Protein backbone atom coordinates (compact mmCIF):
# COMPACT_ATOMS: atom_id res chain seq x y z
CA UNK A 1 68.24 77.35 37.35
CA UNK A 2 66.36 76.97 40.70
CA UNK A 3 63.63 79.43 41.63
CA UNK A 4 64.63 82.73 43.21
CA UNK A 5 65.31 82.25 46.91
CA UNK A 6 66.99 84.75 49.21
CA UNK A 7 69.29 83.27 51.83
CA UNK A 8 70.51 84.58 55.18
CA UNK A 9 74.01 86.07 55.03
CA UNK A 10 76.07 83.72 57.26
CA UNK A 11 79.69 83.97 56.03
CA UNK A 12 81.05 82.73 59.38
CA UNK A 13 79.80 79.25 58.52
CA UNK A 14 82.44 78.99 55.81
CA UNK A 15 85.09 78.97 58.55
CA UNK A 16 83.62 75.92 60.30
CA UNK A 17 84.73 73.21 57.88
CA UNK A 18 87.85 72.41 55.87
CA UNK A 19 85.50 71.66 52.98
CA UNK A 20 85.46 75.40 52.20
CA UNK A 21 89.23 75.87 52.43
CA UNK A 22 89.91 75.89 48.65
CA UNK A 23 87.28 78.54 47.96
CA UNK A 24 87.55 81.02 50.83
CA UNK A 25 90.81 82.71 49.67
CA UNK A 26 89.10 84.12 46.59
CA UNK A 27 86.12 85.26 48.68
CA UNK A 28 87.81 86.69 51.76
CA UNK A 29 87.11 90.38 51.22
CA UNK A 30 83.50 89.62 50.33
CA UNK A 31 83.02 87.41 53.38
CA UNK A 32 84.20 90.22 55.66
CA UNK A 33 81.26 92.41 54.67
CA UNK A 34 78.19 92.90 56.90
CA UNK A 35 75.73 92.04 54.13
CA UNK A 36 75.35 90.28 50.82
CA UNK A 37 77.55 91.65 48.04
CA UNK A 38 75.65 92.79 44.97
CA UNK A 39 76.06 90.97 41.66
CA UNK A 40 78.24 93.87 40.48
CA UNK A 41 80.47 93.61 43.57
CA UNK A 42 80.74 89.85 43.16
CA UNK A 43 81.70 90.23 39.51
CA UNK A 44 84.27 92.90 40.29
CA UNK A 45 85.87 90.85 43.08
CA UNK A 46 85.96 87.51 41.29
CA UNK A 47 86.69 88.53 37.73
CA UNK A 48 87.63 92.19 37.31
CA UNK A 49 90.55 92.02 39.74
CA UNK A 50 92.36 89.58 37.45
CA UNK A 51 92.51 88.88 33.74
CA UNK A 52 89.10 87.93 32.48
CA UNK A 53 88.64 84.80 30.41
CA UNK A 54 86.30 83.97 27.57
CA UNK A 55 83.87 81.27 26.49
CA UNK A 56 84.95 79.11 23.57
CA UNK A 57 82.86 81.40 21.37
CA UNK A 58 85.11 84.29 22.46
CA UNK A 59 82.65 86.07 24.78
CA UNK A 60 84.16 87.64 27.90
CA UNK A 61 82.82 85.94 31.04
CA UNK A 62 81.04 88.19 33.54
CA UNK A 63 78.18 88.08 36.04
CA UNK A 64 74.84 89.73 35.28
CA UNK A 65 71.55 89.89 37.17
CA UNK A 66 69.08 87.15 36.34
CA UNK A 67 66.48 88.06 33.73
CA UNK A 68 62.92 86.90 33.31
CA UNK A 69 62.13 83.50 31.82
CA UNK A 70 63.98 82.94 28.54
CA UNK A 71 62.18 82.49 25.24
CA UNK A 72 64.94 82.56 22.61
CA UNK A 73 67.91 80.19 22.54
CA UNK A 74 70.47 82.91 23.29
CA UNK A 75 68.53 83.86 26.44
CA UNK A 76 68.79 80.42 28.01
CA UNK A 77 71.36 79.88 30.76
CA UNK A 78 74.13 77.85 29.07
CA UNK A 79 73.75 79.37 25.55
CA UNK A 80 73.85 82.87 27.02
CA UNK A 81 77.17 82.09 28.71
CA UNK A 82 78.56 80.56 25.52
CA UNK A 83 77.37 83.30 23.15
CA UNK A 84 77.48 86.41 25.35
CA UNK A 85 79.65 85.42 28.31
CA UNK A 86 76.89 86.37 30.75
CA UNK A 87 76.34 84.21 33.84
CA UNK A 88 72.85 84.99 35.14
CA UNK A 89 73.11 85.46 38.91
CA UNK A 90 70.50 86.06 41.60
CA UNK A 91 71.00 88.50 44.45
CA UNK A 92 71.38 87.21 48.04
CA UNK A 93 71.46 83.56 47.03
CA UNK A 94 74.09 81.05 48.17
CA UNK A 95 73.49 78.76 45.19
CA UNK A 96 74.40 81.46 42.67
CA UNK A 97 77.09 82.94 44.92
CA UNK A 98 78.95 79.62 44.89
CA UNK A 99 78.28 79.15 41.20
CA UNK A 100 80.08 82.43 40.56
CA UNK A 101 82.93 81.45 42.88
CA UNK A 102 83.44 78.09 41.18
CA UNK A 103 83.67 79.84 37.81
CA UNK A 104 86.53 81.86 39.26
CA UNK A 105 88.12 78.78 40.83
CA UNK A 106 87.85 76.49 37.79
CA UNK A 107 87.61 78.78 34.73
CA UNK A 108 89.07 76.37 32.18
CA UNK A 109 86.86 73.48 33.25
CA UNK A 110 83.73 75.63 33.38
CA UNK A 111 84.39 76.90 29.86
CA UNK A 112 84.97 73.36 28.58
CA UNK A 113 81.75 72.05 30.13
CA UNK A 114 79.75 75.04 28.86
CA UNK A 115 81.04 74.31 25.36
CA UNK A 116 79.56 70.81 25.62
CA UNK A 117 76.21 72.09 26.88
CA UNK A 118 75.72 74.65 24.12
CA UNK A 119 75.43 72.42 21.01
CA UNK A 120 73.14 70.04 22.87
CA UNK A 121 70.88 72.94 23.91
CA UNK A 122 70.92 74.34 20.38
CA UNK A 123 69.99 70.99 18.86
CA UNK A 124 67.09 70.62 21.28
CA UNK A 125 65.90 74.19 20.62
CA UNK A 126 66.22 73.98 16.83
CA UNK A 127 64.30 70.70 16.77
CA UNK A 128 61.69 71.85 19.33
CA UNK A 129 62.51 68.96 21.65
CA UNK A 130 61.30 68.95 25.29
CA UNK A 131 63.63 69.38 28.27
CA UNK A 132 63.18 65.70 29.03
CA UNK A 133 65.14 64.88 25.90
CA UNK A 134 68.45 65.84 27.48
CA UNK A 135 71.21 63.35 26.75
CA UNK A 136 72.90 61.23 29.42
CA UNK A 137 76.05 63.28 28.82
CA UNK A 138 74.16 66.50 29.60
CA UNK A 139 72.77 64.92 32.76
CA UNK A 140 76.28 63.86 33.83
CA UNK A 141 77.67 67.35 33.16
CA UNK A 142 74.85 68.97 35.13
CA UNK A 143 75.25 66.54 38.02
CA UNK A 144 78.98 67.23 38.17
CA UNK A 145 78.40 70.99 37.95
CA UNK A 146 75.97 70.83 40.87
CA UNK A 147 77.44 68.08 43.06
CA UNK A 148 80.89 67.30 41.71
CA UNK A 149 84.21 66.97 43.46
CA UNK A 150 87.69 66.24 42.19
CA UNK A 151 89.66 63.60 44.06
CA UNK A 152 93.32 63.40 43.13
CA UNK A 153 96.11 61.29 44.53
CA UNK A 154 99.57 59.96 43.80
CA UNK A 155 98.41 56.56 45.02
CA UNK A 156 96.20 54.29 42.99
CA UNK A 157 95.37 52.21 46.08
CA UNK A 158 93.66 55.20 47.74
CA UNK A 159 91.68 55.96 44.58
CA UNK A 160 90.70 52.29 44.37
CA UNK A 161 89.23 52.53 47.87
CA UNK A 162 86.83 55.15 46.48
CA UNK A 163 86.04 52.99 43.47
CA UNK A 164 85.38 49.98 45.72
CA UNK A 165 83.43 51.82 48.45
CA UNK A 166 86.05 50.87 51.09
CA UNK A 167 85.11 53.84 53.24
CA UNK A 168 86.37 52.62 56.63
CA UNK A 169 89.70 51.65 55.10
CA UNK A 170 89.99 55.01 53.34
CA UNK A 171 88.76 57.41 56.00
CA UNK A 172 89.97 55.60 59.11
CA UNK A 173 92.72 53.07 58.41
CA UNK A 174 94.38 55.33 55.81
CA UNK A 175 93.54 58.59 57.56
CA UNK A 176 97.18 59.68 57.96
CA UNK A 177 97.60 59.77 54.17
CA UNK A 178 94.59 61.94 53.43
CA UNK A 179 96.33 65.23 54.19
CA UNK A 180 99.38 64.92 51.97
CA UNK A 181 98.71 62.19 49.41
CA UNK A 182 94.99 62.57 48.72
CA UNK A 183 93.36 65.80 47.58
CA UNK A 184 89.63 66.50 47.65
CA UNK A 185 88.28 69.74 46.18
CA UNK A 186 84.60 70.51 45.88
CA UNK A 187 83.60 71.65 42.40
CA UNK A 188 79.80 71.59 42.65
CA UNK A 189 78.18 74.81 43.81
CA UNK A 190 75.17 72.93 45.23
CA UNK A 191 77.51 70.99 47.52
CA UNK A 192 78.98 74.24 48.85
CA UNK A 193 75.46 75.54 49.41
CA UNK A 194 74.38 72.40 51.30
CA UNK A 195 77.58 72.45 53.37
CA UNK A 196 76.48 75.77 54.91
CA UNK A 197 74.22 73.53 57.03
CA UNK A 198 75.80 70.07 56.62
CA UNK A 199 73.92 66.85 57.30
CA UNK A 200 74.93 63.21 57.38
CA UNK A 201 73.91 61.97 53.98
CA UNK A 202 75.63 64.74 52.00
CA UNK A 203 77.14 62.88 49.06
CA UNK A 204 79.15 64.26 46.15
CA UNK A 205 79.89 62.85 42.71
CA UNK A 206 83.59 62.41 42.08
CA UNK A 207 85.99 62.38 39.19
CA UNK A 208 89.18 60.55 40.18
CA UNK A 209 92.59 61.69 38.95
CA UNK A 210 95.97 60.05 39.46
CA UNK A 211 98.57 62.84 39.65
CA UNK A 212 102.32 63.35 39.92
CA UNK A 213 103.73 63.44 43.45
CA UNK A 214 105.08 67.00 43.16
CA UNK A 215 101.59 68.47 43.16
CA UNK A 216 101.36 68.12 46.95
CA UNK A 217 104.52 70.20 47.37
CA UNK A 218 102.69 73.21 45.92
CA UNK A 219 100.33 75.68 47.63
CA UNK A 220 96.69 74.70 47.28
CA UNK A 221 96.06 77.58 44.85
CA UNK A 222 98.62 76.13 42.44
CA UNK A 223 97.23 72.64 42.95
CA UNK A 224 93.78 73.88 41.95
CA UNK A 225 95.16 75.66 38.88
CA UNK A 226 96.85 72.45 37.73
CA UNK A 227 93.75 70.38 38.38
CA UNK A 228 91.64 72.91 36.48
CA UNK A 229 93.82 72.66 33.38
CA UNK A 230 93.91 68.85 33.50
CA UNK A 231 90.17 68.63 34.10
CA UNK A 232 89.45 70.91 31.14
CA UNK A 233 91.36 68.47 28.94
CA UNK A 234 89.35 65.65 30.52
CA UNK A 235 86.18 67.30 29.19
CA UNK A 236 87.49 67.77 25.67
CA UNK A 237 86.22 65.36 23.04
CA UNK A 238 86.02 62.45 23.32
CA UNK A 239 84.53 63.06 26.76
CA UNK A 240 85.53 60.42 29.31
CA UNK A 241 82.17 60.45 31.07
CA UNK A 242 78.97 59.73 29.19
CA UNK A 243 76.37 59.35 31.95
CA UNK A 244 75.91 60.06 35.67
CA UNK A 245 76.87 56.43 36.34
CA UNK A 246 80.44 57.31 35.34
CA UNK A 247 80.77 59.58 38.40
CA UNK A 248 81.80 58.02 41.73
CA UNK A 249 79.56 58.52 44.80
CA UNK A 250 81.60 59.98 47.67
CA UNK A 251 80.34 60.50 51.27
CA UNK A 252 82.04 63.85 51.60
CA UNK A 253 81.69 64.31 55.35
CA UNK A 254 84.03 61.40 55.94
CA UNK A 255 87.01 63.61 55.07
CA UNK A 256 88.98 64.71 58.16
CA UNK A 257 87.95 68.17 59.30
CA UNK A 258 84.84 68.27 57.12
CA UNK A 259 82.33 67.41 59.85
CA UNK A 260 82.34 67.42 63.67
CA UNK A 261 82.57 63.94 65.12
CA UNK A 262 84.27 62.24 62.19
CA UNK A 263 87.40 61.85 64.30
CA UNK A 264 85.58 58.97 66.03
CA UNK A 265 85.77 55.55 64.36
CA UNK A 266 82.11 54.84 65.14
CA UNK A 267 81.12 57.61 62.73
CA UNK A 268 82.20 55.34 59.87
CA UNK A 269 80.05 52.40 60.97
CA UNK A 270 76.93 54.15 59.67
CA UNK A 271 76.23 52.12 56.54
CA UNK A 272 73.23 54.27 55.67
CA UNK A 273 75.80 56.93 54.83
CA UNK A 274 78.96 54.95 54.15
CA UNK A 275 77.27 52.46 51.88
CA UNK A 276 79.15 49.37 50.73
CA UNK A 277 78.09 49.83 47.12
CA UNK A 278 79.18 47.65 44.26
CA UNK A 279 82.72 46.33 44.15
CA UNK A 280 84.62 46.88 40.91
CA UNK A 281 87.35 44.25 41.53
């Protein structure tokens, strides 16, 4: 977990980009407040107002204030969630605020990923291994948790444009299809945090999903619920990703409405951002 940092309370910035659209409905009452909500208020709004869910060990998920540096296994971040259901959360901190929100948005996926982290952390702790001994799977899970997005579409050709780094073709030539045949939902809490003050260069790590056409006939809340359930299955054993290389780089600010100025074709000529990458053919 990053060091404690307090952030300015700027909820109006979440209204400036469509990137935040999936997450703002569950935060609306909190975002209307004049100051940071406490950890208790955040927990009550995100979890207590609906049926709580549990870790795979059966612990009820809830937010708690961050403790001092952990010494025992059960005090560490992922094991504590798995064993006790407690998500350590810092006050007045966008990183942890969005972490809490993504737990509420993707509960099944978060629980599935946490269940993969726990045995790896326990093995490392029991065998007194250093942090640097994390597996490539753990690194992939952490990278997705921080910077992940889910891209889903009824059309394989649009997903192939992501795989093949055909950014101009995707974002410009196929722009008309991106609103109703191509979904993009940010999963990573670090991406949400960075998007408070977006910059050209902001890149997410994507999991691509081919979906049934009826999903786009549903409200976005139902779309997210379906994606969450399917993604949780994706992270059941055997896990389909094994290293960070299995995630697809995605220049997020190319999506319509995600960044001012991306309605101009010249925006997509910047190959420092929209890199050609390696073709998969």
